[in-house]
Amino acid sequence: MSEHLAAGRPTAPHAPSPRDPGFAALLLDSHLRVVGTGLCPRAWSDDAGAAAWLQDHAPFGLLAHDTSPDPLFVYANHIAQHCFGYTWEEFIGLPSRLSAAPDAQHDRNSFVEAVSRRGFADGYRGRRVRKDGSHFWIEDVTMWDLVDADGNLHGQAAVFRAWTEECAQV
């Protein structure tokens, strides 16, 4: 996926910092409101603690993209960065469609469209591509609309609770 890092690629105009308390609150509150369950195992005394936990210690991958016509990643926690092989700086602004290989686009797009229709979708498993071009599977995925308390749509987020390497075919 090195082509995605070419000079002049789009940048996400409203990307938060990796540990932005306000964005963490949006992730957590919208997940609770839209999906109906909490994303974190406990209530945090402040949004800064939740932001640090989501970025650095969460046992799952967490990604978010904006509402651009070709949505751009605005958030990727450490697990997601590790799985996809990108640094924060490389991930942010990357079109989210590039997270899936060309032969997996239809599957990914169908899942994203289901979220757009219902507000969230879960139970997804999808093949993804790393920066170096190798593939892996994200599993037990829930994706939801990032909607604030006033009903404004900020994008979509996805959590994947498991991931596996793709075995080479013989």
C-alpha atoms as a PDB file:
ATOM      1  CA  MET A   1       0.000   0.000   0.000  1.00  0.00           C
ATOM      2  CA  SER A   2       2.986   2.316  -0.356  1.00  0.00           C
ATOM      3  CA  GLU A   3       1.137   4.135  -3.152  1.00  0.00           C
ATOM      4  CA  HIS A   4      -1.121   5.580  -0.448  1.00  0.00           C
ATOM      5  CA  LEU A   5       1.734   7.460   1.128  1.00  0.00           C
ATOM      6  CA  ALA A   6       2.565   9.426  -2.002  1.00  0.00           C
ATOM      7  CA  ALA A   7       3.019  13.149  -1.651  1.00  0.00           C
ATOM      8  CA  GLY A   8      -0.153  15.101  -2.081  1.00  0.00           C
ATOM      9  CA  ARG A   9      -2.500  12.519  -0.601  1.00  0.00           C
ATOM     10  CA  PRO A  10      -5.548  14.016   1.120  1.00  0.00           C
ATOM     11  CA  THR A  11      -5.369  14.990   4.744  1.00  0.00           C
ATOM     12  CA  ALA A  12      -8.195  14.702   7.212  1.00  0.00           C
ATOM     13  CA  PRO A  13      -9.172  18.304   8.005  1.00  0.00           C
ATOM     14  CA  HIS A  14     -10.648  17.546  11.428  1.00  0.00           C
ATOM     15  CA  ALA A  15      -8.430  14.773  12.745  1.00  0.00           C
ATOM     16  CA  PRO A  16      -8.083  14.756  16.539  1.00  0.00           C
ATOM     17  CA  SER A  17      -4.856  14.066  18.356  1.00  0.00           C
ATOM     18  CA  PRO A  18      -4.333  10.392  19.341  1.00  0.00           C
ATOM     19  CA  ARG A  19      -5.423  11.039  22.948  1.00  0.00           C
ATOM     20  CA  ASP A  20      -8.039  13.746  22.376  1.00  0.00           C
ATOM     21  CA  PRO A  21     -10.501  13.594  25.303  1.00  0.00           C
ATOM     22  CA  GLY A  22     -13.329  15.094  23.256  1.00  0.00           C
ATOM     23  CA  PHE A  23     -12.940  12.532  20.487  1.00  0.00           C
ATOM     24  CA  ALA A  24     -12.750   9.706  23.034  1.00  0.00           C
ATOM     25  CA  ALA A  25     -16.022  10.961  24.492  1.00  0.00           C
ATOM     26  CA  LEU A  26     -17.571  10.971  20.996  1.00  0.00           C
ATOM     27  CA  LEU A  27     -16.383   7.389  20.377  1.00  0.00           C
ATOM     28  CA  LEU A  28     -17.651   6.106  23.718  1.00  0.00           C
ATOM     29  CA  ASP A  29     -20.905   8.063  23.859  1.00  0.00           C
ATOM     30  CA  SER A  30     -21.900   7.299  20.272  1.00  0.00           C
ATOM     31  CA  HIS A  31     -21.128   3.593  20.739  1.00  0.00           C
ATOM     32  CA  LEU A  32     -23.349   3.493  23.802  1.00  0.00           C
ATOM     33  CA  ARG A  33     -26.112   5.523  22.143  1.00  0.00           C
ATOM     34  CA  VAL A  34     -26.060   3.807  18.717  1.00  0.00           C
ATOM     35  CA  VAL A  35     -24.987   0.224  19.512  1.00  0.00           C
ATOM     36  CA  GLY A  36     -26.527   0.093  22.986  1.00  0.00           C
ATOM     37  CA  THR A  37     -23.480  -1.218  24.845  1.00  0.00           C
ATOM     38  CA  GLY A  38     -20.379   0.294  26.393  1.00  0.00           C
ATOM     39  CA  LEU A  39     -17.072   0.107  24.549  1.00  0.00           C
ATOM     40  CA  CYS A  40     -14.886   0.326  27.653  1.00  0.00           C
ATOM     41  CA  PRO A  41     -14.953  -2.144  30.537  1.00  0.00           C
ATOM     42  CA  ARG A  42     -15.468   0.577  33.140  1.00  0.00           C
ATOM     43  CA  ALA A  43     -16.574   4.159  33.562  1.00  0.00           C
ATOM     44  CA  TRP A  44     -13.731   6.666  33.543  1.00  0.00           C
ATOM     45  CA  SER A  45     -13.518   9.549  35.960  1.00  0.00           C
ATOM     46  CA  ASP A  46     -12.518  11.804  33.058  1.00  0.00           C
ATOM     47  CA  ASP A  47     -12.371  11.726  29.281  1.00  0.00           C
ATOM     48  CA  ALA A  48      -8.555  12.059  29.301  1.00  0.00           C
ATOM     49  CA  GLY A  49      -8.232   8.704  31.091  1.00  0.00           C
ATOM     50  CA  ALA A  50     -10.578   7.084  28.596  1.00  0.00           C
ATOM     51  CA  ALA A  51      -8.685   8.626  25.663  1.00  0.00           C
ATOM     52  CA  ALA A  52      -5.344   7.269  26.896  1.00  0.00           C
ATOM     53  CA  TRP A  53      -6.844   3.818  27.529  1.00  0.00           C
ATOM     54  CA  LEU A  54      -8.477   3.638  24.073  1.00  0.00           C
ATOM     55  CA  GLN A  55      -5.258   4.701  22.337  1.00  0.00           C
ATOM     56  CA  ASP A  56      -2.652   2.795  24.338  1.00  0.00           C
ATOM     57  CA  HIS A  57      -4.241  -0.048  26.305  1.00  0.00           C
ATOM     58  CA  ALA A  58      -7.482  -1.202  24.700  1.00  0.00           C
ATOM     59  CA  PRO A  59      -7.352  -4.921  23.796  1.00  0.00           C
ATOM     60  CA  PHE A  60      -9.013  -4.241  20.428  1.00  0.00           C
ATOM     61  CA  GLY A  61      -8.362  -2.320  17.236  1.00  0.00           C
ATOM     62  CA  LEU A  62     -10.289   0.922  16.901  1.00  0.00           C
ATOM     63  CA  LEU A  63     -10.538   3.054  13.759  1.00  0.00           C
ATOM     64  CA  ALA A  64     -12.626   6.018  12.655  1.00  0.00           C
ATOM     65  CA  HIS A  65     -13.118   7.855   9.394  1.00  0.00           C
ATOM     66  CA  ASP A  66     -14.734  11.191   8.616  1.00  0.00           C
ATOM     67  CA  THR A  67     -17.683  12.141   6.399  1.00  0.00           C
ATOM     68  CA  SER A  68     -15.663  13.120   3.312  1.00  0.00           C
ATOM     69  CA  PRO A  69     -17.023  11.845  -0.027  1.00  0.00           C
ATOM     70  CA  ASP A  70     -14.038   9.434   0.019  1.00  0.00           C
ATOM     71  CA  PRO A  71     -13.842   9.008   3.826  1.00  0.00           C
ATOM     72  CA  LEU A  72     -10.438   9.595   5.427  1.00  0.00           C
ATOM     73  CA  PHE A  73      -9.142   7.967   8.588  1.00  0.00           C
ATOM     74  CA  VAL A  74      -9.124  10.382  11.521  1.00  0.00           C
ATOM     75  CA  TYR A  75      -8.318   7.890  14.279  1.00  0.00           C
ATOM     76  CA  ALA A  76      -6.438   4.612  14.717  1.00  0.00           C
ATOM     77  CA  ASN A  77      -5.433   3.237  18.106  1.00  0.00           C
ATOM     78  CA  HIS A  78      -2.162   1.389  18.731  1.00  0.00           C
ATOM     79  CA  ILE A  79      -3.621  -2.052  17.983  1.00  0.00           C
ATOM     80  CA  ALA A  80      -4.987  -0.815  14.643  1.00  0.00           C
ATOM     81  CA  GLN A  81      -1.676   0.881  13.814  1.00  0.00           C
ATOM     82  CA  HIS A  82       0.202  -2.326  14.602  1.00  0.00           C
ATOM     83  CA  CYS A  83      -2.141  -4.558  12.590  1.00  0.00           C
ATOM     84  CA  PHE A  84      -2.099  -2.313   9.517  1.00  0.00           C
ATOM     85  CA  GLY A  85       1.600  -1.395   9.831  1.00  0.00           C
ATOM     86  CA  TYR A  86       1.132   2.374   9.768  1.00  0.00           C
ATOM     87  CA  THR A  87       2.223   5.059  12.199  1.00  0.00           C
ATOM     88  CA  TRP A  88      -0.366   7.584  13.398  1.00  0.00           C
ATOM     89  CA  GLU A  89       1.007  10.145  10.938  1.00  0.00           C
ATOM     90  CA  GLU A  90       0.731   7.697   8.020  1.00  0.00           C
ATOM     91  CA  PHE A  91      -2.749   6.475   8.981  1.00  0.00           C
ATOM     92  CA  ILE A  92      -4.451   9.816   9.481  1.00  0.00           C
ATOM     93  CA  GLY A  93      -5.719  11.161   6.163  1.00  0.00           C
ATOM     94  CA  LEU A  94      -5.500   7.787   4.419  1.00  0.00           C
ATOM     95  CA  PRO A  95      -8.724   6.990   2.524  1.00  0.00           C
ATOM     96  CA  SER A  96     -10.426   4.261   4.559  1.00  0.00           C
ATOM     97  CA  ARG A  97     -11.301   2.282   1.405  1.00  0.00           C
ATOM     98  CA  LEU A  98      -7.581   1.521   1.066  1.00  0.00           C
ATOM     99  CA  SER A  99      -7.689  -0.605   4.219  1.00  0.00           C
ATOM    100  CA  ALA A 100      -9.135  -3.429   2.078  1.00  0.00           C
ATOM    101  CA  ALA A 101      -7.521  -5.004  -0.961  1.00  0.00           C
ATOM    102  CA  PRO A 102      -9.210  -4.381  -4.335  1.00  0.00           C
ATOM    103  CA  ASP A 103     -10.721  -7.896  -4.323  1.00  0.00           C
ATOM    104  CA  ALA A 104     -12.254  -7.239  -0.874  1.00  0.00           C
ATOM    105  CA  GLN A 105     -13.798  -3.833  -1.685  1.00  0.00           C
ATOM    106  CA  HIS A 106     -17.297  -5.129  -2.420  1.00  0.00           C
ATOM    107  CA  ASP A 107     -17.450  -6.906   0.936  1.00  0.00           C
ATOM    108  CA  ARG A 108     -16.146  -3.822   2.791  1.00  0.00           C
ATOM    109  CA  ASN A 109     -18.483  -1.450   0.949  1.00  0.00           C
ATOM    110  CA  SER A 110     -21.501  -3.649   1.726  1.00  0.00           C
ATOM    111  CA  PHE A 111     -20.657  -3.528   5.420  1.00  0.00           C
ATOM    112  CA  VAL A 112     -20.199   0.268   5.375  1.00  0.00           C
ATOM    113  CA  GLU A 113     -23.530   0.667   3.551  1.00  0.00           C
ATOM    114  CA  ALA A 114     -25.280  -1.521   6.157  1.00  0.00           C
ATOM    115  CA  VAL A 115     -23.989   0.825   8.852  1.00  0.00           C
ATOM    116  CA  SER A 116     -25.222   3.841   6.899  1.00  0.00           C
ATOM    117  CA  ARG A 117     -28.713   2.305   6.704  1.00  0.00           C
ATOM    118  CA  ARG A 118     -29.023   1.050  10.311  1.00  0.00           C
ATOM    119  CA  GLY A 119     -26.603   3.197  12.314  1.00  0.00           C
ATOM    120  CA  PHE A 120     -24.430   0.183  13.138  1.00  0.00           C
ATOM    121  CA  ALA A 121     -23.641  -3.360  12.077  1.00  0.00           C
ATOM    122  CA  ASP A 122     -21.799  -6.156  13.838  1.00  0.00           C
ATOM    123  CA  GLY A 123     -20.595  -9.711  13.405  1.00  0.00           C
ATOM    124  CA  TYR A 124     -18.388  -8.785  10.438  1.00  0.00           C
ATOM    125  CA  ARG A 125     -15.192 -10.532   9.358  1.00  0.00           C
ATOM    126  CA  GLY A 126     -13.125  -9.003   6.582  1.00  0.00           C
ATOM    127  CA  ARG A 127      -9.813  -9.342   4.796  1.00  0.00           C
ATOM    128  CA  ARG A 128      -7.568  -6.317   5.140  1.00  0.00           C
ATOM    129  CA  VAL A 129      -4.268  -5.190   3.667  1.00  0.00           C
ATOM    130  CA  ARG A 130      -1.237  -3.824   5.487  1.00  0.00           C
ATOM    131  CA  LYS A 131       1.064  -1.043   4.405  1.00  0.00           C
ATOM    132  CA  ASP A 132       3.527  -3.679   3.127  1.00  0.00           C
ATOM    133  CA  GLY A 133       0.819  -5.363   1.001  1.00  0.00           C
ATOM    134  CA  SER A 134       0.382  -8.469   3.158  1.00  0.00           C
ATOM    135  CA  HIS A 135      -3.104  -9.473   4.264  1.00  0.00           C
ATOM    136  CA  PHE A 136      -4.817 -10.298   7.551  1.00  0.00           C
ATOM    137  CA  TRP A 137      -8.371 -10.780   8.805  1.00  0.00           C
ATOM    138  CA  ILE A 138     -10.262  -8.517  11.171  1.00  0.00           C
ATOM    139  CA  GLU A 139     -12.934 -10.380  13.096  1.00  0.00           C
ATOM    140  CA  ASP A 140     -15.778  -9.726  15.506  1.00  0.00           C
ATOM    141  CA  VAL A 141     -16.148  -6.241  14.009  1.00  0.00           C
ATOM    142  CA  THR A 142     -18.733  -3.702  15.067  1.00  0.00           C
ATOM    143  CA  MET A 143     -19.029  -0.506  13.048  1.00  0.00           C
ATOM    144  CA  TRP A 144     -21.241   2.415  14.018  1.00  0.00           C
ATOM    145  CA  ASP A 145     -22.079   5.990  13.072  1.00  0.00           C
ATOM    146  CA  LEU A 146     -20.217   8.609  15.108  1.00  0.00           C
ATOM    147  CA  VAL A 147     -23.183  10.722  16.109  1.00  0.00           C
ATOM    148  CA  ASP A 148     -22.944  13.348  18.823  1.00  0.00           C
ATOM    149  CA  ALA A 149     -25.648  14.104  21.393  1.00  0.00           C
ATOM    150  CA  ASP A 150     -27.184  16.704  19.043  1.00  0.00           C
ATOM    151  CA  GLY A 151     -27.514  14.176  16.219  1.00  0.00           C
ATOM    152  CA  ASN A 152     -24.624  15.511  14.106  1.00  0.00           C
ATOM    153  CA  LEU A 153     -22.822  12.830  12.082  1.00  0.00           C
ATOM    154  CA  HIS A 154     -19.010  12.990  12.361  1.00  0.00           C
ATOM    155  CA  GLY A 155     -18.174   9.790  10.474  1.00  0.00           C
ATOM    156  CA  GLN A 156     -18.061   6.119  11.339  1.00  0.00           C
ATOM    157  CA  ALA A 157     -15.961   4.068  13.738  1.00  0.00           C
ATOM    158  CA  ALA A 158     -15.110   0.387  13.836  1.00  0.00           C
ATOM    159  CA  VAL A 159     -13.822  -1.856  16.570  1.00  0.00           C
ATOM    160  CA  PHE A 160     -12.301  -5.256  15.783  1.00  0.00           C
ATOM    161  CA  ARG A 161     -11.859  -7.569  18.724  1.00  0.00           C
ATOM    162  CA  ALA A 162      -9.811 -10.243  16.975  1.00  0.00           C
ATOM    163  CA  TRP A 163      -7.413 -10.480  14.055  1.00  0.00           C
ATOM    164  CA  THR A 164      -5.545 -13.316  12.385  1.00  0.00           C
ATOM    165  CA  GLU A 165      -2.834 -13.670   9.822  1.00  0.00           C
ATOM    166  CA  GLU A 166      -3.855 -14.847   6.398  1.00  0.00           C
ATOM    167  CA  CYS A 167      -2.448 -18.270   5.664  1.00  0.00           C
ATOM    168  CA  ALA A 168      -0.709 -18.690   2.346  1.00  0.00           C
ATOM    169  CA  GLN A 169      -2.639 -20.830  -0.082  1.00  0.00           C
ATOM    170  CA  VAL A 170      -0.905 -23.930  -1.411  1.00  0.00           C
END
